[in-house]
Amino acid sequence: MKKLGKLYDTFVILVIIIKFIFVIFAILTKYYKYKIEHSTKSDISYYTTQYNWSNYWKERLETIFLICMGFICIIVFNPFYGYRFIIDEETRILLFLFGIIILITTNWKALY
């Protein structure tokens, strides 16, 4: 078995940072949504603008995370490599989170 190189490790750290920033924007989005529902009419435009901004970045970061996780899956599970790679702890955590996010964000109504 062979361990992936430093470039891969750097990429995994970048994906973890992206996920951390996504969580921050998800919390901000929930916060501004709460503030919109419980604010006066004078403050609602400010909170709506902030909500739209945080939701915009939350959605973009989620898409970037999904694309990066797709690349990680392609790298780790590539059948054309003649040898197997060791899946390190960070990659296992990312793949675990990827599975959870896919289950949460799936459009379950499409199955009805």
PDB file of N, CA and C in Angstrom:
ATOM      1  N   MET A   1       0.835  -1.181   0.000  1.00  0.00           N
ATOM      2  CA  MET A   1       0.000   0.000   0.000  1.00  0.00           C
ATOM      3  C   MET A   1       0.879   1.242   0.000  1.00  0.00           C
ATOM      4  N   LYS A   2       0.354   2.293  -0.582  1.00  0.00           N
ATOM      5  CA  LYS A   2       1.125   3.514  -0.735  1.00  0.00           C
ATOM      6  C   LYS A   2       0.309   4.686  -0.205  1.00  0.00           C
ATOM      7  N   LYS A   3       0.968   5.584   0.480  1.00  0.00           N
ATOM      8  CA  LYS A   3       0.306   6.786   0.990  1.00  0.00           C
ATOM      9  C   LYS A   3       0.376   7.876  -0.069  1.00  0.00           C
ATOM     10  N   LEU A   4      -0.704   8.635  -0.192  1.00  0.00           N
ATOM     11  CA  LEU A   4      -0.736   9.737  -1.145  1.00  0.00           C
ATOM     12  C   LEU A   4       0.220  10.832  -0.710  1.00  0.00           C
ATOM     13  N   GLY A   5       0.611  11.698  -1.628  1.00  0.00           N
ATOM     14  CA  GLY A   5       1.646  12.690  -1.373  1.00  0.00           C
ATOM     15  C   GLY A   5       1.170  13.939  -0.666  1.00  0.00           C
ATOM     16  N   LYS A   6       2.107  14.886  -0.563  1.00  0.00           N
ATOM     17  CA  LYS A   6       1.840  16.153   0.129  1.00  0.00           C
ATOM     18  C   LYS A   6       0.786  16.993  -0.587  1.00  0.00           C
ATOM     19  N   LEU A   7       0.743  16.926  -1.900  1.00  0.00           N
ATOM     20  CA  LEU A   7      -0.247  17.694  -2.650  1.00  0.00           C
ATOM     21  C   LEU A   7      -1.658  17.237  -2.272  1.00  0.00           C
ATOM     22  N   TYR A   8      -1.840  15.935  -2.155  1.00  0.00           N
ATOM     23  CA  TYR A   8      -3.129  15.392  -1.740  1.00  0.00           C
ATOM     24  C   TYR A   8      -3.467  15.838  -0.316  1.00  0.00           C
ATOM     25  N   ASP A   9      -2.486  15.774   0.581  1.00  0.00           N
ATOM     26  CA  ASP A   9      -2.717  16.206   1.965  1.00  0.00           C
ATOM     27  C   ASP A   9      -3.120  17.678   2.026  1.00  0.00           C
ATOM     28  N   THR A  10      -2.478  18.506   1.215  1.00  0.00           N
ATOM     29  CA  THR A  10      -2.824  19.924   1.150  1.00  0.00           C
ATOM     30  C   THR A  10      -4.244  20.106   0.629  1.00  0.00           C
ATOM     31  N   PHE A  11      -4.617  19.317  -0.368  1.00  0.00           N
ATOM     32  CA  PHE A  11      -5.970  19.380  -0.922  1.00  0.00           C
ATOM     33  C   PHE A  11      -7.003  18.985   0.134  1.00  0.00           C
ATOM     34  N   VAL A  12      -6.723  17.954   0.905  1.00  0.00           N
ATOM     35  CA  VAL A  12      -7.640  17.524   1.962  1.00  0.00           C
ATOM     36  C   VAL A  12      -7.791  18.615   3.013  1.00  0.00           C
ATOM     37  N   ILE A  13      -6.710  19.261   3.381  1.00  0.00           N
ATOM     38  CA  ILE A  13      -6.783  20.364   4.354  1.00  0.00           C
ATOM     39  C   ILE A  13      -7.615  21.509   3.789  1.00  0.00           C
ATOM     40  N   LEU A  14      -7.455  21.810   2.506  1.00  0.00           N
ATOM     41  CA  LEU A  14      -8.264  22.846   1.860  1.00  0.00           C
ATOM     42  C   LEU A  14      -9.745  22.485   1.913  1.00  0.00           C
ATOM     43  N   VAL A  15     -10.076  21.230   1.676  1.00  0.00           N
ATOM     44  CA  VAL A  15     -11.473  20.800   1.722  1.00  0.00           C
ATOM     45  C   VAL A  15     -12.022  20.925   3.144  1.00  0.00           C
ATOM     46  N   ILE A  16     -11.226  20.609   4.139  1.00  0.00           N
ATOM     47  CA  ILE A  16     -11.657  20.756   5.532  1.00  0.00           C
ATOM     48  C   ILE A  16     -11.908  22.231   5.856  1.00  0.00           C
ATOM     49  N   ILE A  17     -11.057  23.110   5.381  1.00  0.00           N
ATOM     50  CA  ILE A  17     -11.242  24.549   5.597  1.00  0.00           C
ATOM     51  C   ILE A  17     -12.520  25.026   4.920  1.00  0.00           C
ATOM     52  N   ILE A  18     -12.764  24.559   3.684  1.00  0.00           N
ATOM     53  CA  ILE A  18     -13.994  24.916   2.967  1.00  0.00           C
ATOM     54  C   ILE A  18     -15.211  24.466   3.758  1.00  0.00           C
ATOM     55  N   LYS A  19     -15.153  23.254   4.306  1.00  0.00           N
ATOM     56  CA  LYS A  19     -16.281  22.741   5.080  1.00  0.00           C
ATOM     57  C   LYS A  19     -16.495  23.553   6.347  1.00  0.00           C
ATOM     58  N   PHE A  20     -15.428  23.956   7.001  1.00  0.00           N
ATOM     59  CA  PHE A  20     -15.534  24.778   8.201  1.00  0.00           C
ATOM     60  C   PHE A  20     -16.178  26.126   7.882  1.00  0.00           C
ATOM     61  N   ILE A  21     -15.766  26.756   6.794  1.00  0.00           N
ATOM     62  CA  ILE A  21     -16.353  28.036   6.380  1.00  0.00           C
ATOM     63  C   ILE A  21     -17.821  27.851   6.009  1.00  0.00           C
ATOM     64  N   PHE A  22     -18.146  26.708   5.374  1.00  0.00           N
ATOM     65  CA  PHE A  22     -19.540  26.398   5.051  1.00  0.00           C
ATOM     66  C   PHE A  22     -20.394  26.354   6.314  1.00  0.00           C
ATOM     67  N   VAL A  23     -19.889  25.718   7.357  1.00  0.00           N
ATOM     68  CA  VAL A  23     -20.637  25.619   8.616  1.00  0.00           C
ATOM     69  C   VAL A  23     -20.891  27.018   9.187  1.00  0.00           C
ATOM     70  N   ILE A  24     -19.906  27.892   9.110  1.00  0.00           N
ATOM     71  CA  ILE A  24     -20.078  29.264   9.598  1.00  0.00           C
ATOM     72  C   ILE A  24     -21.194  29.967   8.829  1.00  0.00           C
ATOM     73  N   PHE A  25     -21.180  29.833   7.495  1.00  0.00           N
ATOM     74  CA  PHE A  25     -22.227  30.479   6.693  1.00  0.00           C
ATOM     75  C   PHE A  25     -23.587  29.832   6.913  1.00  0.00           C
ATOM     76  N   ALA A  26     -23.634  28.538   7.171  1.00  0.00           N
ATOM     77  CA  ALA A  26     -24.907  27.888   7.469  1.00  0.00           C
ATOM     78  C   ALA A  26     -25.487  28.422   8.774  1.00  0.00           C
ATOM     79  N   ILE A  27     -24.637  28.626   9.766  1.00  0.00           N
ATOM     80  CA  ILE A  27     -25.088  29.189  11.042  1.00  0.00           C
ATOM     81  C   ILE A  27     -25.557  30.631  10.845  1.00  0.00           C
ATOM     82  N   LEU A  28     -24.800  31.405  10.075  1.00  0.00           N
ATOM     83  CA  LEU A  28     -25.206  32.789   9.797  1.00  0.00           C
ATOM     84  C   LEU A  28     -26.543  32.837   9.068  1.00  0.00           C
ATOM     85  N   THR A  29     -26.740  31.932   8.123  1.00  0.00           N
ATOM     86  CA  THR A  29     -27.994  31.895   7.376  1.00  0.00           C
ATOM     87  C   THR A  29     -29.167  31.615   8.308  1.00  0.00           C
ATOM     88  N   LYS A  30     -29.006  30.645   9.194  1.00  0.00           N
ATOM     89  CA  LYS A  30     -30.068  30.345  10.164  1.00  0.00           C
ATOM     90  C   LYS A  30     -30.319  31.545  11.090  1.00  0.00           C
ATOM     91  N   TYR A  31     -29.242  32.197  11.509  1.00  0.00           N
ATOM     92  CA  TYR A  31     -29.364  33.357  12.394  1.00  0.00           C
ATOM     93  C   TYR A  31     -30.147  34.482  11.718  1.00  0.00           C
ATOM     94  N   TYR A  32     -29.779  34.811  10.470  1.00  0.00           N
ATOM     95  CA  TYR A  32     -30.467  35.899   9.774  1.00  0.00           C
ATOM     96  C   TYR A  32     -31.901  35.530   9.435  1.00  0.00           C
ATOM     97  N   LYS A  33     -32.170  34.270   9.175  1.00  0.00           N
ATOM     98  CA  LYS A  33     -33.548  33.851   8.939  1.00  0.00           C
ATOM     99  C   LYS A  33     -34.378  34.043  10.208  1.00  0.00           C
ATOM    100  N   TYR A  34     -33.801  33.690  11.344  1.00  0.00           N
ATOM    101  CA  TYR A  34     -34.478  33.914  12.624  1.00  0.00           C
ATOM    102  C   TYR A  34     -34.719  35.404  12.852  1.00  0.00           C
ATOM    103  N   LYS A  35     -33.713  36.227  12.574  1.00  0.00           N
ATOM    104  CA  LYS A  35     -33.846  37.671  12.775  1.00  0.00           C
ATOM    105  C   LYS A  35     -34.913  38.271  11.853  1.00  0.00           C
ATOM    106  N   ILE A  36     -35.020  37.746  10.625  1.00  0.00           N
ATOM    107  CA  ILE A  36     -36.045  38.238   9.699  1.00  0.00           C
ATOM    108  C   ILE A  36     -37.432  37.929  10.255  1.00  0.00           C
ATOM    109  N   GLU A  37     -37.589  36.728  10.795  1.00  0.00           N
ATOM    110  CA  GLU A  37     -38.901  36.324  11.316  1.00  0.00           C
ATOM    111  C   GLU A  37     -39.279  37.083  12.585  1.00  0.00           C
ATOM    112  N   HIS A  38     -38.288  37.580  13.338  1.00  0.00           N
ATOM    113  CA  HIS A  38     -38.570  38.219  14.621  1.00  0.00           C
ATOM    114  C   HIS A  38     -38.105  39.677  14.676  1.00  0.00           C
ATOM    115  N   SER A  39     -38.061  40.349  13.553  1.00  0.00           N
ATOM    116  CA  SER A  39     -37.580  41.737  13.564  1.00  0.00           C
ATOM    117  C   SER A  39     -38.707  42.704  13.238  1.00  0.00           C
ATOM    118  N   THR A  40     -38.412  43.957  13.491  1.00  0.00           N
ATOM    119  CA  THR A  40     -39.368  45.007  13.156  1.00  0.00           C
ATOM    120  C   THR A  40     -39.239  45.328  11.666  1.00  0.00           C
ATOM    121  N   LYS A  41     -40.187  46.070  11.166  1.00  0.00           N
ATOM    122  CA  LYS A  41     -40.184  46.387   9.741  1.00  0.00           C
ATOM    123  C   LYS A  41     -39.011  47.262   9.335  1.00  0.00           C
ATOM    124  N   SER A  42     -38.482  48.038  10.250  1.00  0.00           N
ATOM    125  CA  SER A  42     -37.359  48.917   9.907  1.00  0.00           C
ATOM    126  C   SER A  42     -36.057  48.124   9.726  1.00  0.00           C
ATOM    127  N   ASP A  43     -35.906  47.005  10.418  1.00  0.00           N
ATOM    128  CA  ASP A  43     -34.681  46.212  10.336  1.00  0.00           C
ATOM    129  C   ASP A  43     -34.732  45.097   9.293  1.00  0.00           C
ATOM    130  N   ILE A  44     -35.885  44.856   8.740  1.00  0.00           N
ATOM    131  CA  ILE A  44     -36.052  43.662   7.903  1.00  0.00           C
ATOM    132  C   ILE A  44     -35.229  43.732   6.618  1.00  0.00           C
ATOM    133  N   SER A  45     -35.040  44.913   6.045  1.00  0.00           N
ATOM    134  CA  SER A  45     -34.265  45.004   4.807  1.00  0.00           C
ATOM    135  C   SER A  45     -32.791  44.682   5.052  1.00  0.00           C
ATOM    136  N   TYR A  46     -32.264  45.129   6.188  1.00  0.00           N
ATOM    137  CA  TYR A  46     -30.874  44.818   6.534  1.00  0.00           C
ATOM    138  C   TYR A  46     -30.687  43.317   6.701  1.00  0.00           C
ATOM    139  N   TYR A  47     -31.571  42.689   7.473  1.00  0.00           N
ATOM    140  CA  TYR A  47     -31.446  41.255   7.727  1.00  0.00           C
ATOM    141  C   TYR A  47     -31.706  40.428   6.461  1.00  0.00           C
ATOM    142  N   THR A  48     -32.583  40.905   5.603  1.00  0.00           N
ATOM    143  CA  THR A  48     -32.828  40.202   4.342  1.00  0.00           C
ATOM    144  C   THR A  48     -31.596  40.248   3.455  1.00  0.00           C
ATOM    145  N   THR A  49     -30.944  41.399   3.394  1.00  0.00           N
ATOM    146  CA  THR A  49     -29.711  41.515   2.615  1.00  0.00           C
ATOM    147  C   THR A  49     -28.628  40.599   3.169  1.00  0.00           C
ATOM    148  N   GLN A  50     -28.477  40.592   4.477  1.00  0.00           N
ATOM    149  CA  GLN A  50     -27.469  39.720   5.101  1.00  0.00           C
ATOM    150  C   GLN A  50     -27.813  38.244   4.905  1.00  0.00           C
ATOM    151  N   TYR A  51     -29.082  37.908   4.985  1.00  0.00           N
ATOM    152  CA  TYR A  51     -29.518  36.529   4.764  1.00  0.00           C
ATOM    153  C   TYR A  51     -29.198  36.089   3.337  1.00  0.00           C
ATOM    154  N   ASN A  52     -29.532  36.931   2.368  1.00  0.00           N
ATOM    155  CA  ASN A  52     -29.267  36.593   0.969  1.00  0.00           C
ATOM    156  C   ASN A  52     -27.772  36.408   0.722  1.00  0.00           C
ATOM    157  N   TRP A  53     -26.959  37.287   1.316  1.00  0.00           N
ATOM    158  CA  TRP A  53     -25.504  37.191   1.147  1.00  0.00           C
ATOM    159  C   TRP A  53     -24.959  35.900   1.757  1.00  0.00           C
ATOM    160  N   SER A  54     -25.359  35.594   2.982  1.00  0.00           N
ATOM    161  CA  SER A  54     -24.844  34.386   3.642  1.00  0.00           C
ATOM    162  C   SER A  54     -25.371  33.122   2.969  1.00  0.00           C
ATOM    163  N   ASN A  55     -26.614  33.141   2.513  1.00  0.00           N
ATOM    164  CA  ASN A  55     -27.169  31.979   1.814  1.00  0.00           C
ATOM    165  C   ASN A  55     -26.469  31.765   0.472  1.00  0.00           C
ATOM    166  N   TYR A  56     -26.142  32.850  -0.215  1.00  0.00           N
ATOM    167  CA  TYR A  56     -25.409  32.761  -1.481  1.00  0.00           C
ATOM    168  C   TYR A  56     -24.090  32.034  -1.276  1.00  0.00           C
ATOM    169  N   TRP A  57     -23.310  32.445  -0.279  1.00  0.00           N
ATOM    170  CA  TRP A  57     -22.011  31.822  -0.043  1.00  0.00           C
ATOM    171  C   TRP A  57     -22.135  30.415   0.529  1.00  0.00           C
ATOM    172  N   LYS A  58     -23.165  30.177   1.307  1.00  0.00           N
ATOM    173  CA  LYS A  58     -23.387  28.828   1.840  1.00  0.00           C
ATOM    174  C   LYS A  58     -23.618  27.844   0.694  1.00  0.00           C
ATOM    175  N   GLU A  59     -24.465  28.232  -0.262  1.00  0.00           N
ATOM    176  CA  GLU A  59     -24.747  27.355  -1.401  1.00  0.00           C
ATOM    177  C   GLU A  59     -23.516  27.157  -2.274  1.00  0.00           C
ATOM    178  N   ARG A  60     -22.739  28.208  -2.495  1.00  0.00           N
ATOM    179  CA  ARG A  60     -21.526  28.090  -3.320  1.00  0.00           C
ATOM    180  C   ARG A  60     -20.498  27.188  -2.655  1.00  0.00           C
ATOM    181  N   LEU A  61     -20.317  27.356  -1.350  1.00  0.00           N
ATOM    182  CA  LEU A  61     -19.339  26.535  -0.638  1.00  0.00           C
ATOM    183  C   LEU A  61     -19.768  25.072  -0.586  1.00  0.00           C
ATOM    184  N   GLU A  62     -21.070  24.825  -0.500  1.00  0.00           N
ATOM    185  CA  GLU A  62     -21.548  23.443  -0.528  1.00  0.00           C
ATOM    186  C   GLU A  62     -21.253  22.806  -1.890  1.00  0.00           C
ATOM    187  N   THR A  63     -21.454  23.557  -2.946  1.00  0.00           N
ATOM    188  CA  THR A  63     -21.162  23.047  -4.291  1.00  0.00           C
ATOM    189  C   THR A  63     -19.668  22.797  -4.469  1.00  0.00           C
ATOM    190  N   ILE A  64     -18.835  23.720  -3.996  1.00  0.00           N
ATOM    191  CA  ILE A  64     -17.385  23.536  -4.087  1.00  0.00           C
ATOM    192  C   ILE A  64     -16.964  22.314  -3.284  1.00  0.00           C
ATOM    193  N   PHE A  65     -17.558  22.123  -2.101  1.00  0.00           N
ATOM    194  CA  PHE A  65     -17.253  20.953  -1.287  1.00  0.00           C
ATOM    195  C   PHE A  65     -17.630  19.664  -2.017  1.00  0.00           C
ATOM    196  N   LEU A  66     -18.796  19.637  -2.633  1.00  0.00           N
ATOM    197  CA  LEU A  66     -19.220  18.434  -3.362  1.00  0.00           C
ATOM    198  C   LEU A  66     -18.288  18.132  -4.534  1.00  0.00           C
ATOM    199  N   ILE A  67     -17.857  19.158  -5.236  1.00  0.00           N
ATOM    200  CA  ILE A  67     -16.924  18.964  -6.352  1.00  0.00           C
ATOM    201  C   ILE A  67     -15.590  18.437  -5.836  1.00  0.00           C
ATOM    202  N   CYS A  68     -15.087  19.022  -4.766  1.00  0.00           N
ATOM    203  CA  CYS A  68     -13.811  18.561  -4.192  1.00  0.00           C
ATOM    204  C   CYS A  68     -13.917  17.121  -3.701  1.00  0.00           C
ATOM    205  N   MET A  69     -15.036  16.775  -3.081  1.00  0.00           N
ATOM    206  CA  MET A  69     -15.217  15.404  -2.612  1.00  0.00           C
ATOM    207  C   MET A  69     -15.313  14.440  -3.791  1.00  0.00           C
ATOM    208  N   GLY A  70     -15.878  14.888  -4.888  1.00  0.00           N
ATOM    209  CA  GLY A  70     -15.880  14.067  -6.089  1.00  0.00           C
ATOM    210  C   GLY A  70     -14.468  13.785  -6.567  1.00  0.00           C
ATOM    211  N   PHE A  71     -13.617  14.816  -6.546  1.00  0.00           N
ATOM    212  CA  PHE A  71     -12.215  14.618  -6.923  1.00  0.00           C
ATOM    213  C   PHE A  71     -11.505  13.668  -5.962  1.00  0.00           C
ATOM    214  N   ILE A  72     -11.788  13.797  -4.670  1.00  0.00           N
ATOM    215  CA  ILE A  72     -11.168  12.886  -3.699  1.00  0.00           C
ATOM    216  C   ILE A  72     -11.600  11.451  -3.970  1.00  0.00           C
ATOM    217  N   CYS A  73     -12.881  11.259  -4.244  1.00  0.00           N
ATOM    218  CA  CYS A  73     -13.357   9.899  -4.557  1.00  0.00           C
ATOM    219  C   CYS A  73     -12.691   9.363  -5.819  1.00  0.00           C
ATOM    220  N   ILE A  74     -12.522  10.198  -6.823  1.00  0.00           N
ATOM    221  CA  ILE A  74     -11.856   9.766  -8.056  1.00  0.00           C
ATOM    222  C   ILE A  74     -10.412   9.390  -7.783  1.00  0.00           C
ATOM    223  N   ILE A  75      -9.717  10.182  -6.990  1.00  0.00           N
ATOM    224  CA  ILE A  75      -8.313   9.905  -6.677  1.00  0.00           C
ATOM    225  C   ILE A  75      -8.176   8.631  -5.852  1.00  0.00           C
ATOM    226  N   VAL A  76      -8.967   8.513  -4.804  1.00  0.00           N
ATOM    227  CA  VAL A  76      -8.813   7.390  -3.877  1.00  0.00           C
ATOM    228  C   VAL A  76      -9.295   6.080  -4.491  1.00  0.00           C
ATOM    229  N   PHE A  77     -10.399   6.124  -5.227  1.00  0.00           N
ATOM    230  CA  PHE A  77     -10.993   4.897  -5.736  1.00  0.00           C
ATOM    231  C   PHE A  77     -10.735   4.667  -7.224  1.00  0.00           C
ATOM    232  N   ASN A  78      -9.695   5.271  -7.772  1.00  0.00           N
ATOM    233  CA  ASN A  78      -9.371   5.109  -9.189  1.00  0.00           C
ATOM    234  C   ASN A  78      -8.938   3.667  -9.463  1.00  0.00           C
ATOM    235  N   PRO A  79      -9.670   2.944 -10.335  1.00  0.00           N
ATOM    236  CA  PRO A  79      -9.322   1.542 -10.589  1.00  0.00           C
ATOM    237  C   PRO A  79      -8.113   1.378 -11.511  1.00  0.00           C
ATOM    238  N   PHE A  80      -7.637   2.450 -12.100  1.00  0.00           N
ATOM    239  CA  PHE A  80      -6.522   2.347 -13.040  1.00  0.00           C
ATOM    240  C   PHE A  80      -5.158   2.426 -12.367  1.00  0.00           C
ATOM    241  N   TYR A  81      -5.134   2.759 -11.068  1.00  0.00           N
ATOM    242  CA  TYR A  81      -3.874   2.708 -10.340  1.00  0.00           C
ATOM    243  C   TYR A  81      -3.518   1.251 -10.114  1.00  0.00           C
ATOM    244  N   GLY A  82      -2.250   0.908 -10.253  1.00  0.00           N
ATOM    245  CA  GLY A  82      -1.819  -0.458 -10.063  1.00  0.00           C
ATOM    246  C   GLY A  82      -1.619  -0.832  -8.613  1.00  0.00           C
ATOM    247  N   TYR A  83      -1.794   0.108  -7.718  1.00  0.00           N
ATOM    248  CA  TYR A  83      -1.594  -0.146  -6.300  1.00  0.00           C
ATOM    249  C   TYR A  83      -2.702   0.535  -5.512  1.00  0.00           C
ATOM    250  N   ARG A  84      -2.857   0.122  -4.290  1.00  0.00           N
ATOM    251  CA  ARG A  84      -3.900   0.689  -3.438  1.00  0.00           C
ATOM    252  C   ARG A  84      -3.307   1.770  -2.547  1.00  0.00           C
ATOM    253  N   PHE A  85      -4.141   2.753  -2.255  1.00  0.00           N
ATOM    254  CA  PHE A  85      -3.715   3.830  -1.374  1.00  0.00           C
ATOM    255  C   PHE A  85      -4.237   3.596   0.031  1.00  0.00           C
ATOM    256  N   ILE A  86      -3.486   4.062   0.998  1.00  0.00           N
ATOM    257  CA  ILE A  86      -3.956   4.051   2.377  1.00  0.00           C
ATOM    258  C   ILE A  86      -4.871   5.261   2.551  1.00  0.00           C
ATOM    259  N   ILE A  87      -6.056   5.028   3.039  1.00  0.00           N
ATOM    260  CA  ILE A  87      -6.981   6.132   3.300  1.00  0.00           C
ATOM    261  C   ILE A  87      -6.689   6.637   4.710  1.00  0.00           C
ATOM    262  N   ASP A  88      -6.142   7.852   4.797  1.00  0.00           N
ATOM    263  CA  ASP A  88      -5.767   8.392   6.101  1.00  0.00           C
ATOM    264  C   ASP A  88      -6.991   8.877   6.877  1.00  0.00           C
ATOM    265  N   GLU A  89      -6.766   9.281   8.111  1.00  0.00           N
ATOM    266  CA  GLU A  89      -7.865   9.642   9.012  1.00  0.00           C
ATOM    267  C   GLU A  89      -8.671  10.837   8.482  1.00  0.00           C
ATOM    268  N   GLU A  90      -7.990  11.835   7.924  1.00  0.00           N
ATOM    269  CA  GLU A  90      -8.696  13.011   7.413  1.00  0.00           C
ATOM    270  C   GLU A  90      -9.604  12.650   6.246  1.00  0.00           C
ATOM    271  N   THR A  91      -9.122  11.774   5.359  1.00  0.00           N
ATOM    272  CA  THR A  91      -9.931  11.359   4.224  1.00  0.00           C
ATOM    273  C   THR A  91     -11.134  10.552   4.692  1.00  0.00           C
ATOM    274  N   ARG A  92     -10.954   9.698   5.668  1.00  0.00           N
ATOM    275  CA  ARG A  92     -12.073   8.923   6.202  1.00  0.00           C
ATOM    276  C   ARG A  92     -13.131   9.844   6.794  1.00  0.00           C
ATOM    277  N   ILE A  93     -12.700  10.884   7.522  1.00  0.00           N
ATOM    278  CA  ILE A  93     -13.648  11.834   8.099  1.00  0.00           C
ATOM    279  C   ILE A  93     -14.390  12.585   7.001  1.00  0.00           C
ATOM    280  N   LEU A  94     -13.657  13.025   5.964  1.00  0.00           N
ATOM    281  CA  LEU A  94     -14.299  13.748   4.860  1.00  0.00           C
ATOM    282  C   LEU A  94     -15.295  12.866   4.124  1.00  0.00           C
ATOM    283  N   LEU A  95     -14.947  11.615   3.874  1.00  0.00           N
ATOM    284  CA  LEU A  95     -15.875  10.719   3.195  1.00  0.00           C
ATOM    285  C   LEU A  95     -17.101  10.445   4.069  1.00  0.00           C
ATOM    286  N   PHE A  96     -16.920  10.350   5.378  1.00  0.00           N
ATOM    287  CA  PHE A  96     -18.037  10.182   6.298  1.00  0.00           C
ATOM    288  C   PHE A  96     -18.953  11.403   6.243  1.00  0.00           C
ATOM    289  N   LEU A  97     -18.374  12.612   6.312  1.00  0.00           N
ATOM    290  CA  LEU A  97     -19.172  13.842   6.229  1.00  0.00           C
ATOM    291  C   LEU A  97     -19.859  13.967   4.874  1.00  0.00           C
ATOM    292  N   PHE A  98     -19.176  13.547   3.830  1.00  0.00           N
ATOM    293  CA  PHE A  98     -19.744  13.586   2.484  1.00  0.00           C
ATOM    294  C   PHE A  98     -21.010  12.730   2.430  1.00  0.00           C
ATOM    295  N   GLY A  99     -20.949  11.545   3.004  1.00  0.00           N
ATOM    296  CA  GLY A  99     -22.123  10.679   3.029  1.00  0.00           C
ATOM    297  C   GLY A  99     -23.276  11.296   3.795  1.00  0.00           C
ATOM    298  N   ILE A 100     -22.978  11.906   4.928  1.00  0.00           N
ATOM    299  CA  ILE A 100     -24.025  12.551   5.729  1.00  0.00           C
ATOM    300  C   ILE A 100     -24.637  13.719   4.969  1.00  0.00           C
ATOM    301  N   ILE A 101     -23.793  14.536   4.337  1.00  0.00           N
ATOM    302  CA  ILE A 101     -24.296  15.703   3.601  1.00  0.00           C
ATOM    303  C   ILE A 101     -25.145  15.270   2.413  1.00  0.00           C
ATOM    304  N   ILE A 102     -24.731  14.228   1.735  1.00  0.00           N
ATOM    305  CA  ILE A 102     -25.524  13.740   0.607  1.00  0.00           C
ATOM    306  C   ILE A 102     -26.900  13.292   1.095  1.00  0.00           C
ATOM    307  N   LEU A 103     -26.954  12.578   2.216  1.00  0.00           N
ATOM    308  CA  LEU A 103     -28.242  12.128   2.745  1.00  0.00           C
ATOM    309  C   LEU A 103     -29.120  13.293   3.202  1.00  0.00           C
ATOM    310  N   ILE A 104     -28.506  14.317   3.784  1.00  0.00           N
ATOM    311  CA  ILE A 104     -29.275  15.466   4.263  1.00  0.00           C
ATOM    312  C   ILE A 104     -29.786  16.316   3.100  1.00  0.00           C
ATOM    313  N   THR A 105     -28.961  16.534   2.097  1.00  0.00           N
ATOM    314  CA  THR A 105     -29.326  17.451   1.012  1.00  0.00           C
ATOM    315  C   THR A 105     -30.064  16.783  -0.144  1.00  0.00           C
ATOM    316  N   THR A 106     -30.278  15.488  -0.066  1.00  0.00           N
ATOM    317  CA  THR A 106     -30.999  14.801  -1.131  1.00  0.00           C
ATOM    318  C   THR A 106     -32.462  15.249  -1.162  1.00  0.00           C
ATOM    319  N   ASN A 107     -32.984  15.384  -2.353  1.00  0.00           N
ATOM    320  CA  ASN A 107     -34.381  15.750  -2.525  1.00  0.00           C
ATOM    321  C   ASN A 107     -35.215  14.481  -2.368  1.00  0.00           C
ATOM    322  N   TRP A 108     -35.617  14.178  -1.150  1.00  0.00           N
ATOM    323  CA  TRP A 108     -36.351  12.952  -0.851  1.00  0.00           C
ATOM    324  C   TRP A 108     -37.750  12.957  -1.438  1.00  0.00           C
ATOM    325  N   LYS A 109     -38.299  14.138  -1.714  1.00  0.00           N
ATOM    326  CA  LYS A 109     -39.641  14.225  -2.303  1.00  0.00           C
ATOM    327  C   LYS A 109     -39.669  13.675  -3.722  1.00  0.00           C
ATOM    328  N   ALA A 110     -38.505  13.612  -4.354  1.00  0.00           N
ATOM    329  CA  ALA A 110     -38.457  13.080  -5.718  1.00  0.00           C
ATOM    330  C   ALA A 110     -38.748  11.585  -5.762  1.00  0.00           C
ATOM    331  N   LEU A 111     -38.662  10.918  -4.623  1.00  0.00           N
ATOM    332  CA  LEU A 111     -38.933   9.485  -4.570  1.00  0.00           C
ATOM    333  C   LEU A 111     -40.404   9.159  -4.464  1.00  0.00           C
ATOM    334  N   TYR A 112     -41.241  10.107  -4.178  1.00  0.00           N
ATOM    335  CA  TYR A 112     -42.677   9.852  -4.023  1.00  0.00           C
ATOM    336  C   TYR A 112     -43.312   9.591  -5.338  1.00  0.00           C
TER     337      TYR A 112
END
